[in-house]
PDB file of N, CA and C in Angstrom:
ATOM      1  N   MET A   1     -26.131  66.014 -53.529  1.00  0.00           N
ATOM      2  CA  MET A   1     -25.673  66.747 -52.386  1.00  0.00           C
ATOM      3  C   MET A   1     -25.621  68.224 -52.680  1.00  0.00           C
ATOM      4  N   SER A   2     -26.144  69.062 -51.799  1.00  0.00           N
ATOM      5  CA  SER A   2     -26.111  70.478 -52.048  1.00  0.00           C
ATOM      6  C   SER A   2     -24.918  71.119 -51.388  1.00  0.00           C
ATOM      7  N   GLU A   3     -24.587  72.298 -51.860  1.00  0.00           N
ATOM      8  CA  GLU A   3     -23.455  73.050 -51.261  1.00  0.00           C
ATOM      9  C   GLU A   3     -23.886  73.650 -49.959  1.00  0.00           C
ATOM     10  N   SER A   4     -23.048  73.529 -48.963  1.00  0.00           N
ATOM     11  CA  SER A   4     -23.332  74.031 -47.623  1.00  0.00           C
ATOM     12  C   SER A   4     -23.107  75.520 -47.473  1.00  0.00           C
ATOM     13  N   ARG A   5     -24.006  76.159 -46.799  1.00  0.00           N
ATOM     14  CA  ARG A   5     -23.827  77.577 -46.466  1.00  0.00           C
ATOM     15  C   ARG A   5     -23.156  77.724 -45.073  1.00  0.00           C
ATOM     16  N   ILE A   6     -22.887  76.603 -44.464  1.00  0.00           N
ATOM     17  CA  ILE A   6     -22.234  76.639 -43.109  1.00  0.00           C
ATOM     18  C   ILE A   6     -20.756  76.795 -43.322  1.00  0.00           C
ATOM     19  N   THR A   7     -20.169  77.795 -42.600  1.00  0.00           N
ATOM     20  CA  THR A   7     -18.773  78.094 -42.839  1.00  0.00           C
ATOM     21  C   THR A   7     -17.808  77.528 -41.753  1.00  0.00           C
ATOM     22  N   GLU A   8     -18.294  77.324 -40.563  1.00  0.00           N
ATOM     23  CA  GLU A   8     -17.383  76.791 -39.504  1.00  0.00           C
ATOM     24  C   GLU A   8     -18.140  76.395 -38.254  1.00  0.00           C
ATOM     25  N   VAL A   9     -17.501  75.570 -37.433  1.00  0.00           N
ATOM     26  CA  VAL A   9     -17.985  75.295 -36.095  1.00  0.00           C
ATOM     27  C   VAL A   9     -17.382  76.458 -35.266  1.00  0.00           C
ATOM     28  N   ALA A  10     -18.265  77.285 -34.743  1.00  0.00           N
ATOM     29  CA  ALA A  10     -17.794  78.499 -34.105  1.00  0.00           C
ATOM     30  C   ALA A  10     -17.684  78.301 -32.579  1.00  0.00           C
ATOM     31  N   THR A  11     -18.737  77.799 -31.963  1.00  0.00           N
ATOM     32  CA  THR A  11     -18.808  77.766 -30.497  1.00  0.00           C
ATOM     33  C   THR A  11     -19.576  76.553 -29.978  1.00  0.00           C
ATOM     34  N   ILE A  12     -19.064  75.970 -28.940  1.00  0.00           N
ATOM     35  CA  ILE A  12     -19.782  74.882 -28.246  1.00  0.00           C
ATOM     36  C   ILE A  12     -20.251  75.504 -26.940  1.00  0.00           C
ATOM     37  N   ALA A  13     -21.564  75.594 -26.701  1.00  0.00           N
ATOM     38  CA  ALA A  13     -22.058  76.204 -25.464  1.00  0.00           C
ATOM     39  C   ALA A  13     -22.332  75.128 -24.431  1.00  0.00           C
ATOM     40  N   ILE A  14     -21.758  75.306 -23.266  1.00  0.00           N
ATOM     41  CA  ILE A  14     -22.003  74.359 -22.157  1.00  0.00           C
ATOM     42  C   ILE A  14     -22.560  75.130 -20.961  1.00  0.00           C
ATOM     43  N   PRO A  15     -23.430  74.456 -20.188  1.00  0.00           N
ATOM     44  CA  PRO A  15     -24.062  75.108 -19.023  1.00  0.00           C
ATOM     45  C   PRO A  15     -23.096  75.116 -17.853  1.00  0.00           C
ATOM     46  N   VAL A  16     -23.074  76.232 -17.128  1.00  0.00           N
ATOM     47  CA  VAL A  16     -22.301  76.356 -15.943  1.00  0.00           C
ATOM     48  C   VAL A  16     -23.191  77.017 -14.820  1.00  0.00           C
ATOM     49  N   THR A  17     -22.954  76.638 -13.599  1.00  0.00           N
ATOM     50  CA  THR A  17     -23.742  77.183 -12.521  1.00  0.00           C
ATOM     51  C   THR A  17     -23.196  78.531 -11.988  1.00  0.00           C
ATOM     52  N   ASP A  18     -21.911  78.766 -12.213  1.00  0.00           N
ATOM     53  CA  ASP A  18     -21.286  79.977 -11.805  1.00  0.00           C
ATOM     54  C   ASP A  18     -20.269  80.402 -12.849  1.00  0.00           C
ATOM     55  N   GLN A  19     -20.604  81.453 -13.615  1.00  0.00           N
ATOM     56  CA  GLN A  19     -19.736  81.827 -14.733  1.00  0.00           C
ATOM     57  C   GLN A  19     -18.361  82.291 -14.278  1.00  0.00           C
ATOM     58  N   ASP A  20     -18.261  82.998 -13.215  1.00  0.00           N
ATOM     59  CA  ASP A  20     -16.934  83.440 -12.768  1.00  0.00           C
ATOM     60  C   ASP A  20     -16.054  82.243 -12.311  1.00  0.00           C
ATOM     61  N   ARG A  21     -16.656  81.290 -11.629  1.00  0.00           N
ATOM     62  CA  ARG A  21     -15.923  80.094 -11.241  1.00  0.00           C
ATOM     63  C   ARG A  21     -15.463  79.321 -12.498  1.00  0.00           C
ATOM     64  N   ALA A  22     -16.357  79.243 -13.495  1.00  0.00           N
ATOM     65  CA  ALA A  22     -16.017  78.523 -14.746  1.00  0.00           C
ATOM     66  C   ALA A  22     -14.836  79.249 -15.450  1.00  0.00           C
ATOM     67  N   VAL A  23     -14.893  80.601 -15.498  1.00  0.00           N
ATOM     68  CA  VAL A  23     -13.798  81.335 -16.138  1.00  0.00           C
ATOM     69  C   VAL A  23     -12.529  81.092 -15.395  1.00  0.00           C
ATOM     70  N   ASP A  24     -12.534  81.044 -14.060  1.00  0.00           N
ATOM     71  CA  ASP A  24     -11.315  80.763 -13.274  1.00  0.00           C
ATOM     72  C   ASP A  24     -10.741  79.407 -13.672  1.00  0.00           C
ATOM     73  N   PHE A  25     -11.616  78.399 -13.859  1.00  0.00           N
ATOM     74  CA  PHE A  25     -11.135  77.084 -14.213  1.00  0.00           C
ATOM     75  C   PHE A  25     -10.522  77.047 -15.609  1.00  0.00           C
ATOM     76  N   TYR A  26     -11.317  77.540 -16.582  1.00  0.00           N
ATOM     77  CA  TYR A  26     -10.896  77.432 -18.016  1.00  0.00           C
ATOM     78  C   TYR A  26      -9.652  78.320 -18.270  1.00  0.00           C
ATOM     79  N   VAL A  27      -9.677  79.518 -17.723  1.00  0.00           N
ATOM     80  CA  VAL A  27      -8.547  80.444 -17.958  1.00  0.00           C
ATOM     81  C   VAL A  27      -7.391  80.147 -16.996  1.00  0.00           C
ATOM     82  N   GLY A  28      -7.706  80.096 -15.700  1.00  0.00           N
ATOM     83  CA  GLY A  28      -6.668  79.964 -14.701  1.00  0.00           C
ATOM     84  C   GLY A  28      -6.065  78.569 -14.617  1.00  0.00           C
ATOM     85  N   THR A  29      -6.892  77.527 -14.728  1.00  0.00           N
ATOM     86  CA  THR A  29      -6.399  76.148 -14.597  1.00  0.00           C
ATOM     87  C   THR A  29      -5.951  75.563 -15.912  1.00  0.00           C
ATOM     88  N   LEU A  30      -6.819  75.731 -16.941  1.00  0.00           N
ATOM     89  CA  LEU A  30      -6.498  75.117 -18.275  1.00  0.00           C
ATOM     90  C   LEU A  30      -5.667  75.987 -19.166  1.00  0.00           C
ATOM     91  N   GLY A  31      -5.539  77.275 -18.809  1.00  0.00           N
ATOM     92  CA  GLY A  31      -4.713  78.156 -19.649  1.00  0.00           C
ATOM     93  C   GLY A  31      -5.385  78.716 -20.888  1.00  0.00           C
ATOM     94  N   PHE A  32      -6.710  78.648 -20.958  1.00  0.00           N
ATOM     95  CA  PHE A  32      -7.437  79.174 -22.126  1.00  0.00           C
ATOM     96  C   PHE A  32      -7.398  80.677 -22.073  1.00  0.00           C
ATOM     97  N   GLU A  33      -7.718  81.296 -23.205  1.00  0.00           N
ATOM     98  CA  GLU A  33      -7.906  82.773 -23.307  1.00  0.00           C
ATOM     99  C   GLU A  33      -9.398  83.091 -23.175  1.00  0.00           C
ATOM    100  N   LYS A  34      -9.675  84.188 -22.533  1.00  0.00           N
ATOM    101  CA  LYS A  34     -11.046  84.667 -22.506  1.00  0.00           C
ATOM    102  C   LYS A  34     -11.223  85.571 -23.743  1.00  0.00           C
ATOM    103  N   ARG A  35     -12.094  85.160 -24.661  1.00  0.00           N
ATOM    104  CA  ARG A  35     -12.257  85.822 -25.933  1.00  0.00           C
ATOM    105  C   ARG A  35     -13.403  86.852 -25.886  1.00  0.00           C
ATOM    106  N   ARG A  36     -14.481  86.549 -25.164  1.00  0.00           N
ATOM    107  CA  ARG A  36     -15.620  87.477 -25.054  1.00  0.00           C
ATOM    108  C   ARG A  36     -16.192  87.403 -23.660  1.00  0.00           C
ATOM    109  N   ASP A  37     -16.667  88.544 -23.225  1.00  0.00           N
ATOM    110  CA  ASP A  37     -17.397  88.624 -21.934  1.00  0.00           C
ATOM    111  C   ASP A  37     -18.294  89.855 -22.073  1.00  0.00           C
ATOM    112  N   LEU A  38     -19.554  89.579 -22.499  1.00  0.00           N
ATOM    113  CA  LEU A  38     -20.474  90.644 -22.840  1.00  0.00           C
ATOM    114  C   LEU A  38     -21.779  90.450 -22.108  1.00  0.00           C
ATOM    115  N   PRO A  39     -22.469  91.528 -21.790  1.00  0.00           N
ATOM    116  CA  PRO A  39     -23.818  91.437 -21.212  1.00  0.00           C
ATOM    117  C   PRO A  39     -24.692  90.720 -22.239  1.00  0.00           C
ATOM    118  N   PHE A  40     -25.566  89.835 -21.763  1.00  0.00           N
ATOM    119  CA  PHE A  40     -26.527  89.125 -22.663  1.00  0.00           C
ATOM    120  C   PHE A  40     -27.791  88.888 -21.883  1.00  0.00           C
ATOM    121  N   GLY A  41     -28.692  89.843 -22.046  1.00  0.00           N
ATOM    122  CA  GLY A  41     -29.953  89.720 -21.255  1.00  0.00           C
ATOM    123  C   GLY A  41     -29.661  89.885 -19.774  1.00  0.00           C
ATOM    124  N   GLN A  42     -30.113  88.983 -18.991  1.00  0.00           N
ATOM    125  CA  GLN A  42     -29.927  88.949 -17.542  1.00  0.00           C
ATOM    126  C   GLN A  42     -28.562  88.305 -17.173  1.00  0.00           C
ATOM    127  N   ALA A  43     -27.857  87.786 -18.147  1.00  0.00           N
ATOM    128  CA  ALA A  43     -26.628  87.082 -17.893  1.00  0.00           C
ATOM    129  C   ALA A  43     -25.485  87.676 -18.706  1.00  0.00           C
ATOM    130  N   ARG A  44     -24.444  86.890 -18.896  1.00  0.00           N
ATOM    131  CA  ARG A  44     -23.274  87.307 -19.670  1.00  0.00           C
ATOM    132  C   ARG A  44     -23.018  86.259 -20.735  1.00  0.00           C
ATOM    133  N   TRP A  45     -22.511  86.702 -21.889  1.00  0.00           N
ATOM    134  CA  TRP A  45     -22.013  85.793 -22.906  1.00  0.00           C
ATOM    135  C   TRP A  45     -20.531  85.721 -22.823  1.00  0.00           C
ATOM    136  N   ILE A  46     -19.976  84.570 -22.362  1.00  0.00           N
ATOM    137  CA  ILE A  46     -18.568  84.437 -22.160  1.00  0.00           C
ATOM    138  C   ILE A  46     -18.052  83.331 -23.021  1.00  0.00           C
ATOM    139  N   GLU A  47     -16.988  83.597 -23.792  1.00  0.00           N
ATOM    140  CA  GLU A  47     -16.346  82.544 -24.618  1.00  0.00           C
ATOM    141  C   GLU A  47     -14.886  82.462 -24.257  1.00  0.00           C
ATOM    142  N   VAL A  48     -14.414  81.231 -24.160  1.00  0.00           N
ATOM    143  CA  VAL A  48     -13.001  80.946 -23.867  1.00  0.00           C
ATOM    144  C   VAL A  48     -12.494  79.935 -24.902  1.00  0.00           C
ATOM    145  N   ALA A  49     -11.186  79.876 -25.091  1.00  0.00           N
ATOM    146  CA  ALA A  49     -10.619  78.934 -26.049  1.00  0.00           C
ATOM    147  C   ALA A  49      -9.122  78.737 -25.748  1.00  0.00           C
ATOM    148  N   PRO A  50      -8.566  77.622 -26.135  1.00  0.00           N
ATOM    149  CA  PRO A  50      -7.097  77.451 -26.097  1.00  0.00           C
ATOM    150  C   PRO A  50      -6.476  78.514 -26.979  1.00  0.00           C
ATOM    151  N   PRO A  51      -5.298  78.994 -26.619  1.00  0.00           N
ATOM    152  CA  PRO A  51      -4.628  80.006 -27.470  1.00  0.00           C
ATOM    153  C   PRO A  51      -4.509  79.524 -28.927  1.00  0.00           C
ATOM    154  N   GLY A  52      -4.934  80.418 -29.833  1.00  0.00           N
ATOM    155  CA  GLY A  52      -4.865  80.096 -31.258  1.00  0.00           C
ATOM    156  C   GLY A  52      -5.983  79.280 -31.801  1.00  0.00           C
ATOM    157  N   ALA A  53      -6.865  78.733 -30.993  1.00  0.00           N
ATOM    158  CA  ALA A  53      -7.950  77.889 -31.481  1.00  0.00           C
ATOM    159  C   ALA A  53      -9.035  78.732 -32.159  1.00  0.00           C
ATOM    160  N   ALA A  54      -9.651  78.212 -33.208  1.00  0.00           N
ATOM    161  CA  ALA A  54     -10.730  78.900 -33.907  1.00  0.00           C
ATOM    162  C   ALA A  54     -12.089  78.677 -33.190  1.00  0.00           C
ATOM    163  N   THR A  55     -12.305  77.505 -32.683  1.00  0.00           N
ATOM    164  CA  THR A  55     -13.548  77.202 -32.033  1.00  0.00           C
ATOM    165  C   THR A  55     -13.484  77.572 -30.555  1.00  0.00           C
ATOM    166  N   THR A  56     -14.518  78.197 -30.031  1.00  0.00           N
ATOM    167  CA  THR A  56     -14.572  78.587 -28.622  1.00  0.00           C
ATOM    168  C   THR A  56     -15.589  77.798 -27.836  1.00  0.00           C
ATOM    169  N   ILE A  57     -15.480  77.836 -26.525  1.00  0.00           N
ATOM    170  CA  ILE A  57     -16.459  77.291 -25.609  1.00  0.00           C
ATOM    171  C   ILE A  57     -17.187  78.461 -24.955  1.00  0.00           C
ATOM    172  N   ALA A  58     -18.527  78.482 -25.084  1.00  0.00           N
ATOM    173  CA  ALA A  58     -19.327  79.488 -24.418  1.00  0.00           C
ATOM    174  C   ALA A  58     -19.750  78.945 -23.065  1.00  0.00           C
ATOM    175  N   LEU A  59     -19.498  79.715 -22.004  1.00  0.00           N
ATOM    176  CA  LEU A  59     -19.867  79.320 -20.673  1.00  0.00           C
ATOM    177  C   LEU A  59     -21.154  80.007 -20.345  1.00  0.00           C
ATOM    178  N   VAL A  60     -22.238  79.289 -20.590  1.00  0.00           N
ATOM    179  CA  VAL A  60     -23.568  79.937 -20.435  1.00  0.00           C
ATOM    180  C   VAL A  60     -24.239  79.455 -19.187  1.00  0.00           C
ATOM    181  N   PRO A  61     -25.019  80.403 -18.511  1.00  0.00           N
ATOM    182  CA  PRO A  61     -25.720  80.006 -17.338  1.00  0.00           C
ATOM    183  C   PRO A  61     -26.730  78.908 -17.621  1.00  0.00           C
ATOM    184  N   THR A  62     -26.981  78.034 -16.612  1.00  0.00           N
ATOM    185  CA  THR A  62     -27.987  77.010 -16.814  1.00  0.00           C
ATOM    186  C   THR A  62     -29.285  77.672 -17.177  1.00  0.00           C
ATOM    187  N   GLY A  63     -29.995  77.051 -18.095  1.00  0.00           N
ATOM    188  CA  GLY A  63     -31.259  77.598 -18.609  1.00  0.00           C
ATOM    189  C   GLY A  63     -31.109  78.258 -19.975  1.00  0.00           C
ATOM    190  N   MET A  64     -29.887  78.661 -20.345  1.00  0.00           N
ATOM    191  CA  MET A  64     -29.640  79.176 -21.674  1.00  0.00           C
ATOM    192  C   MET A  64     -29.465  78.052 -22.644  1.00  0.00           C
ATOM    193  N   PRO A  65     -29.737  78.215 -23.910  1.00  0.00           N
ATOM    194  CA  PRO A  65     -29.538  77.132 -24.880  1.00  0.00           C
ATOM    195  C   PRO A  65     -28.088  76.724 -24.999  1.00  0.00           C
ATOM    196  N   THR A  66     -27.873  75.380 -24.914  1.00  0.00           N
ATOM    197  CA  THR A  66     -26.495  74.896 -25.094  1.00  0.00           C
ATOM    198  C   THR A  66     -26.432  74.199 -26.425  1.00  0.00           C
ATOM    199  N   GLY A  67     -25.312  73.717 -26.768  1.00  0.00           N
ATOM    200  CA  GLY A  67     -25.114  72.952 -27.998  1.00  0.00           C
ATOM    201  C   GLY A  67     -24.055  73.580 -28.893  1.00  0.00           C
ATOM    202  N   ILE A  68     -24.043  73.169 -30.131  1.00  0.00           N
ATOM    203  CA  ILE A  68     -23.032  73.588 -31.078  1.00  0.00           C
ATOM    204  C   ILE A  68     -23.560  74.749 -31.898  1.00  0.00           C
ATOM    205  N   ARG A  69     -22.736  75.811 -32.022  1.00  0.00           N
ATOM    206  CA  ARG A  69     -23.093  76.966 -32.834  1.00  0.00           C
ATOM    207  C   ARG A  69     -22.235  76.957 -34.073  1.00  0.00           C
ATOM    208  N   LEU A  70     -22.888  76.964 -35.224  1.00  0.00           N
ATOM    209  CA  LEU A  70     -22.224  77.011 -36.492  1.00  0.00           C
ATOM    210  C   LEU A  70     -22.420  78.374 -37.096  1.00  0.00           C
ATOM    211  N   THR A  71     -21.563  78.799 -38.010  1.00  0.00           N
ATOM    212  CA  THR A  71     -21.732  80.074 -38.629  1.00  0.00           C
ATOM    213  C   THR A  71     -22.081  79.997 -40.104  1.00  0.00           C
ATOM    214  N   THR A  72     -22.706  81.055 -40.613  1.00  0.00           N
ATOM    215  CA  THR A  72     -23.034  81.187 -42.019  1.00  0.00           C
ATOM    216  C   THR A  72     -22.894  82.676 -42.385  1.00  0.00           C
ATOM    217  N   GLU A  73     -22.706  82.930 -43.639  1.00  0.00           N
ATOM    218  CA  GLU A  73     -22.614  84.316 -44.056  1.00  0.00           C
ATOM    219  C   GLU A  73     -24.016  84.954 -44.235  1.00  0.00           C
ATOM    220  N   ASP A  74     -25.050  84.087 -44.403  1.00  0.00           N
ATOM    221  CA  ASP A  74     -26.403  84.583 -44.695  1.00  0.00           C
ATOM    222  C   ASP A  74     -27.409  83.675 -44.034  1.00  0.00           C
ATOM    223  N   ALA A  75     -27.913  84.069 -42.831  1.00  0.00           N
ATOM    224  CA  ALA A  75     -28.845  83.229 -42.091  1.00  0.00           C
ATOM    225  C   ALA A  75     -30.145  83.030 -42.877  1.00  0.00           C
ATOM    226  N   ASP A  76     -30.623  84.063 -43.568  1.00  0.00           N
ATOM    227  CA  ASP A  76     -31.886  83.918 -44.315  1.00  0.00           C
ATOM    228  C   ASP A  76     -31.727  82.869 -45.403  1.00  0.00           C
ATOM    229  N   ALA A  77     -30.655  82.963 -46.187  1.00  0.00           N
ATOM    230  CA  ALA A  77     -30.414  81.986 -47.279  1.00  0.00           C
ATOM    231  C   ALA A  77     -30.234  80.598 -46.751  1.00  0.00           C
ATOM    232  N   ALA A  78     -29.465  80.455 -45.681  1.00  0.00           N
ATOM    233  CA  ALA A  78     -29.178  79.118 -45.118  1.00  0.00           C
ATOM    234  C   ALA A  78     -30.516  78.510 -44.595  1.00  0.00           C
ATOM    235  N   HIS A  79     -31.353  79.354 -43.924  1.00  0.00           N
ATOM    236  CA  HIS A  79     -32.606  78.854 -43.399  1.00  0.00           C
ATOM    237  C   HIS A  79     -33.484  78.409 -44.538  1.00  0.00           C
ATOM    238  N   ALA A  80     -33.577  79.166 -45.607  1.00  0.00           N
ATOM    239  CA  ALA A  80     -34.438  78.781 -46.762  1.00  0.00           C
ATOM    240  C   ALA A  80     -33.901  77.517 -47.379  1.00  0.00           C
ATOM    241  N   ASP A  81     -32.617  77.409 -47.630  1.00  0.00           N
ATOM    242  CA  ASP A  81     -32.023  76.189 -48.209  1.00  0.00           C
ATOM    243  C   ASP A  81     -32.297  74.977 -47.332  1.00  0.00           C
ATOM    244  N   LEU A  82     -32.047  75.071 -46.058  1.00  0.00           N
ATOM    245  CA  LEU A  82     -32.267  73.891 -45.187  1.00  0.00           C
ATOM    246  C   LEU A  82     -33.746  73.500 -45.124  1.00  0.00           C
ATOM    247  N   ALA A  83     -34.637  74.501 -45.030  1.00  0.00           N
ATOM    248  CA  ALA A  83     -36.036  74.176 -44.987  1.00  0.00           C
ATOM    249  C   ALA A  83     -36.502  73.506 -46.293  1.00  0.00           C
ATOM    250  N   ARG A  84     -35.985  73.974 -47.405  1.00  0.00           N
ATOM    251  CA  ARG A  84     -36.350  73.411 -48.722  1.00  0.00           C
ATOM    252  C   ARG A  84     -35.844  71.947 -48.820  1.00  0.00           C
ATOM    253  N   GLN A  85     -34.710  71.669 -48.158  1.00  0.00           N
ATOM    254  CA  GLN A  85     -34.178  70.323 -48.179  1.00  0.00           C
ATOM    255  C   GLN A  85     -34.820  69.396 -47.126  1.00  0.00           C
ATOM    256  N   GLY A  86     -35.778  69.896 -46.362  1.00  0.00           N
ATOM    257  CA  GLY A  86     -36.516  69.110 -45.444  1.00  0.00           C
ATOM    258  C   GLY A  86     -35.898  69.000 -44.045  1.00  0.00           C
ATOM    259  N   ALA A  87     -34.932  69.853 -43.748  1.00  0.00           N
ATOM    260  CA  ALA A  87     -34.291  69.828 -42.446  1.00  0.00           C
ATOM    261  C   ALA A  87     -35.306  70.358 -41.412  1.00  0.00           C
ATOM    262  N   ASP A  88     -35.175  69.881 -40.165  1.00  0.00           N
ATOM    263  CA  ASP A  88     -36.007  70.335 -39.105  1.00  0.00           C
ATOM    264  C   ASP A  88     -35.461  71.631 -38.524  1.00  0.00           C
ATOM    265  N   VAL A  89     -35.946  72.751 -39.132  1.00  0.00           N
ATOM    266  CA  VAL A  89     -35.477  74.074 -38.703  1.00  0.00           C
ATOM    267  C   VAL A  89     -36.606  74.810 -38.028  1.00  0.00           C
ATOM    268  N   ASP A  90     -36.226  75.775 -37.179  1.00  0.00           N
ATOM    269  CA  ASP A  90     -37.238  76.679 -36.558  1.00  0.00           C
ATOM    270  C   ASP A  90     -38.024  77.329 -37.660  1.00  0.00           C
ATOM    271  N   ALA A  91     -39.291  77.719 -37.354  1.00  0.00           N
ATOM    272  CA  ALA A  91     -40.130  78.336 -38.344  1.00  0.00           C
ATOM    273  C   ALA A  91     -39.576  79.754 -38.702  1.00  0.00           C
ATOM    274  N   GLU A  92     -38.973  80.393 -37.737  1.00  0.00           N
ATOM    275  CA  GLU A  92     -38.499  81.781 -37.983  1.00  0.00           C
ATOM    276  C   GLU A  92     -37.062  81.973 -37.502  1.00  0.00           C
ATOM    277  N   ILE A  93     -36.435  82.954 -38.069  1.00  0.00           N
ATOM    278  CA  ILE A  93     -35.074  83.314 -37.635  1.00  0.00           C
ATOM    279  C   ILE A  93     -35.197  84.248 -36.431  1.00  0.00           C
ATOM    280  N   LEU A  94     -34.435  83.999 -35.412  1.00  0.00           N
ATOM    281  CA  LEU A  94     -34.393  84.808 -34.177  1.00  0.00           C
ATOM    282  C   LEU A  94     -33.559  86.062 -34.472  1.00  0.00           C
ATOM    283  N   ARG A  95     -34.144  87.206 -34.229  1.00  0.00           N
ATOM    284  CA  ARG A  95     -33.396  88.503 -34.419  1.00  0.00           C
ATOM    285  C   ARG A  95     -33.460  89.258 -33.117  1.00  0.00           C
ATOM    286  N   MET A  96     -32.328  89.422 -32.474  1.00  0.00           N
ATOM    287  CA  MET A  96     -32.223  90.156 -31.222  1.00  0.00           C
ATOM    288  C   MET A  96     -31.404  91.391 -31.499  1.00  0.00           C
ATOM    289  N   GLU A  97     -31.994  92.378 -32.157  1.00  0.00           N
ATOM    290  CA  GLU A  97     -31.285  93.578 -32.586  1.00  0.00           C
ATOM    291  C   GLU A  97     -30.378  94.151 -31.446  1.00  0.00           C
ATOM    292  N   GLY A  98     -29.152  94.369 -31.757  1.00  0.00           N
ATOM    293  CA  GLY A  98     -28.237  94.977 -30.809  1.00  0.00           C
ATOM    294  C   GLY A  98     -27.596  94.014 -29.828  1.00  0.00           C
ATOM    295  N   MET A  99     -28.161  92.821 -29.731  1.00  0.00           N
ATOM    296  CA  MET A  99     -27.600  91.809 -28.759  1.00  0.00           C
ATOM    297  C   MET A  99     -26.845  90.671 -29.419  1.00  0.00           C
ATOM    298  N   ALA A 100     -27.338  90.245 -30.573  1.00  0.00           N
ATOM    299  CA  ALA A 100     -26.739  89.108 -31.255  1.00  0.00           C
ATOM    300  C   ALA A 100     -27.146  89.108 -32.730  1.00  0.00           C
ATOM    301  N   PRO A 101     -26.357  88.474 -33.564  1.00  0.00           N
ATOM    302  CA  PRO A 101     -26.693  88.398 -34.971  1.00  0.00           C
ATOM    303  C   PRO A 101     -27.893  87.467 -35.196  1.00  0.00           C
ATOM    304  N   PRO A 102     -28.458  87.535 -36.383  1.00  0.00           N
ATOM    305  CA  PRO A 102     -29.617  86.618 -36.719  1.00  0.00           C
ATOM    306  C   PRO A 102     -29.163  85.155 -36.568  1.00  0.00           C
ATOM    307  N   MET A 103     -30.080  84.304 -36.078  1.00  0.00           N
ATOM    308  CA  MET A 103     -29.758  82.929 -35.855  1.00  0.00           C
ATOM    309  C   MET A 103     -31.045  82.076 -35.861  1.00  0.00           C
ATOM    310  N   PHE A 104     -30.871  80.789 -36.037  1.00  0.00           N
ATOM    311  CA  PHE A 104     -32.001  79.854 -35.950  1.00  0.00           C
ATOM    312  C   PHE A 104     -31.475  78.542 -35.489  1.00  0.00           C
ATOM    313  N   THR A 105     -32.409  77.725 -34.968  1.00  0.00           N
ATOM    314  CA  THR A 105     -32.043  76.385 -34.473  1.00  0.00           C
ATOM    315  C   THR A 105     -32.530  75.349 -35.495  1.00  0.00           C
ATOM    316  N   LEU A 106     -31.723  74.315 -35.617  1.00  0.00           N
ATOM    317  CA  LEU A 106     -32.128  73.148 -36.379  1.00  0.00           C
ATOM    318  C   LEU A 106     -31.796  71.936 -35.605  1.00  0.00           C
ATOM    319  N   ARG A 107     -32.373  70.809 -35.969  1.00  0.00           N
ATOM    320  CA  ARG A 107     -32.182  69.554 -35.289  1.00  0.00           C
ATOM    321  C   ARG A 107     -31.764  68.453 -36.265  1.00  0.00           C
ATOM    322  N   ASP A 108     -30.771  67.648 -35.875  1.00  0.00           N
ATOM    323  CA  ASP A 108     -30.354  66.543 -36.725  1.00  0.00           C
ATOM    324  C   ASP A 108     -31.398  65.437 -36.594  1.00  0.00           C
ATOM    325  N   PRO A 109     -31.242  64.324 -37.335  1.00  0.00           N
ATOM    326  CA  PRO A 109     -32.256  63.242 -37.290  1.00  0.00           C
ATOM    327  C   PRO A 109     -32.418  62.637 -35.912  1.00  0.00           C
ATOM    328  N   ASP A 110     -31.419  62.767 -35.022  1.00  0.00           N
ATOM    329  CA  ASP A 110     -31.564  62.248 -33.700  1.00  0.00           C
ATOM    330  C   ASP A 110     -32.064  63.237 -32.662  1.00  0.00           C
ATOM    331  N   GLY A 111     -32.418  64.469 -33.144  1.00  0.00           N
ATOM    332  CA  GLY A 111     -32.937  65.507 -32.282  1.00  0.00           C
ATOM    333  C   GLY A 111     -31.876  66.375 -31.615  1.00  0.00           C
ATOM    334  N   ASN A 112     -30.612  66.180 -31.980  1.00  0.00           N
ATOM    335  CA  ASN A 112     -29.519  67.029 -31.396  1.00  0.00           C
ATOM    336  C   ASN A 112     -29.689  68.452 -31.971  1.00  0.00           C
ATOM    337  N   THR A 113     -29.529  69.404 -31.110  1.00  0.00           N
ATOM    338  CA  THR A 113     -29.741  70.817 -31.481  1.00  0.00           C
ATOM    339  C   THR A 113     -28.447  71.469 -32.016  1.00  0.00           C
ATOM    340  N   LEU A 114     -28.574  72.121 -33.120  1.00  0.00           N
ATOM    341  CA  LEU A 114     -27.490  72.924 -33.708  1.00  0.00           C
ATOM    342  C   LEU A 114     -28.064  74.330 -33.882  1.00  0.00           C
ATOM    343  N   ILE A 115     -27.269  75.370 -33.639  1.00  0.00           N
ATOM    344  CA  ILE A 115     -27.700  76.741 -33.768  1.00  0.00           C
ATOM    345  C   ILE A 115     -26.842  77.349 -34.854  1.00  0.00           C
ATOM    346  N   LEU A 116     -27.485  77.853 -35.911  1.00  0.00           N
ATOM    347  CA  LEU A 116     -26.796  78.485 -37.025  1.00  0.00           C
ATOM    348  C   LEU A 116     -26.862  79.971 -36.900  1.00  0.00           C
ATOM    349  N   VAL A 117     -25.711  80.612 -36.729  1.00  0.00           N
ATOM    350  CA  VAL A 117     -25.621  82.034 -36.425  1.00  0.00           C
ATOM    351  C   VAL A 117     -24.977  82.761 -37.611  1.00  0.00           C
ATOM    352  N   GLU A 118     -25.523  83.895 -38.018  1.00  0.00           N
ATOM    353  CA  GLU A 118     -24.936  84.663 -39.065  1.00  0.00           C
ATOM    354  C   GLU A 118     -23.640  85.273 -38.610  1.00  0.00           C
ATOM    355  N   ASN A 119     -22.592  85.177 -39.380  1.00  0.00           N
ATOM    356  CA  ASN A 119     -21.267  85.629 -39.005  1.00  0.00           C
ATOM    357  C   ASN A 119     -21.346  87.175 -38.842  1.00  0.00           C
ATOM    358  N   ALA A 120     -21.092  87.622 -37.652  1.00  0.00           N
ATOM    359  CA  ALA A 120     -21.141  89.100 -37.322  1.00  0.00           C
ATOM    360  C   ALA A 120     -19.738  89.648 -37.528  1.00  0.00           C
ATOM    361  N   GLN A 121     -19.473  90.215 -38.664  1.00  0.00           N
ATOM    362  CA  GLN A 121     -18.135  90.755 -38.898  1.00  0.00           C
ATOM    363  C   GLN A 121     -18.076  92.217 -38.644  1.00  0.00           C
TER     364      GLN A 121
END
């Protein structure tokens, strides 16, 4: 067994048809905190979480990638390690300068999508 470069489960992204309505529900009804609300391309990147929780829920517009986002300190090294171990990883690391940290997608043996994002400190 190799040592993991994955440091935490950071965000679970779920699709929503109306981001403002979703924020009203998660913040207003469930009592979550809104942690992020940033422009992201044509949409917004919104994260909410219960007070004090480490893992957030990203409320993404339908059509954006959903799933579990994990973090790593070094996306390049994690990508190389996982590829060497035979994991089903994207061929290249996605780099959206100024919008998001480096990231790549990998799939588990059942085809479930995981997104590994470099920790942007």
